């Protein structure tokens, strides 16, 4: 197996871990739900809008 095949999924060049999602690629999106008759909060998450779900941003991006 060639290591170059696995490298296609990884970013090339310099990149920064996304500051909004800490590299997870998902942002919290809590919703109120009724589960078994009890009100509860569930969090399915949603793709990060800063990094578009990748977990990193292209280039060196300082925290703002």
Protein backbone atom coordinates (compact mmCIF):
# COMPACT_ATOMS: atom_id res chain seq x y z
CA UNK A 1 0.00 0.00 0.00
CA UNK A 2 1.35 3.40 -0.98
CA UNK A 3 1.43 6.24 1.59
CA UNK A 4 0.52 8.76 -1.14
CA UNK A 5 -3.01 7.32 -1.36
CA UNK A 6 -3.74 8.28 2.26
CA UNK A 7 -2.23 11.77 1.86
CA UNK A 8 -5.05 12.89 -0.49
CA UNK A 9 -7.41 13.46 2.45
CA UNK A 10 -4.96 15.66 4.35
CA UNK A 11 -4.51 19.38 3.64
CA UNK A 12 -1.37 20.50 1.85
CA UNK A 13 0.69 23.49 2.91
CA UNK A 14 0.24 25.51 6.07
CA UNK A 15 -3.06 25.39 7.90
CA UNK A 16 -4.48 26.39 11.28
CA UNK A 17 -6.81 24.40 13.53
CA UNK A 18 -10.19 26.13 13.43
CA UNK A 19 -10.66 28.37 16.47
CA UNK A 20 -14.46 28.12 16.42
CA UNK A 21 -14.78 24.31 16.59
CA UNK A 22 -11.31 23.44 17.98
CA UNK A 23 -10.69 21.16 15.02
CA UNK A 24 -13.78 18.99 15.47
CA UNK A 25 -15.54 20.35 12.37
CA UNK A 26 -18.86 20.54 14.24
CA UNK A 27 -20.47 23.33 16.26
CA UNK A 28 -22.92 22.78 19.13
CA UNK A 29 -26.56 23.18 18.12
CA UNK A 30 -28.67 22.42 21.22
CA UNK A 31 -32.40 21.83 20.80
CA UNK A 32 -35.20 21.28 23.28
CA UNK A 33 -36.80 17.84 23.02
CA UNK A 34 -39.37 15.79 24.91
CA UNK A 35 -37.90 12.35 25.59
CA UNK A 36 -40.02 9.83 27.53
CA UNK A 37 -42.27 12.68 28.65
CA UNK A 38 -39.39 14.70 30.13
CA UNK A 39 -38.01 17.93 28.63
CA UNK A 40 -34.35 17.51 27.74
CA UNK A 41 -31.68 19.24 25.70
CA UNK A 42 -30.15 17.32 22.80
CA UNK A 43 -27.17 18.40 20.75
CA UNK A 44 -26.86 16.89 17.29
CA UNK A 45 -24.33 19.49 16.19
CA UNK A 46 -23.98 21.14 12.81
CA UNK A 47 -21.04 21.68 10.47
CA UNK A 48 -18.79 24.57 11.48
CA UNK A 49 -19.38 27.64 9.31
CA UNK A 50 -15.83 28.96 9.78
CA UNK A 51 -14.05 25.92 8.40
CA UNK A 52 -16.99 24.32 6.51
CA UNK A 53 -16.68 21.12 8.55
CA UNK A 54 -13.00 20.46 7.76
CA UNK A 55 -11.61 21.30 11.22
CA UNK A 56 -8.85 23.50 9.84
CA UNK A 57 -8.47 26.80 7.99
CA UNK A 58 -6.05 27.36 5.13
CA UNK A 59 -2.96 29.38 5.94
CA UNK A 60 -1.77 30.73 9.25
CA UNK A 61 -4.77 32.41 10.86
CA UNK A 62 -4.15 34.08 14.25
CA UNK A 63 -6.97 33.92 16.81
CA UNK A 64 -9.21 36.96 16.74
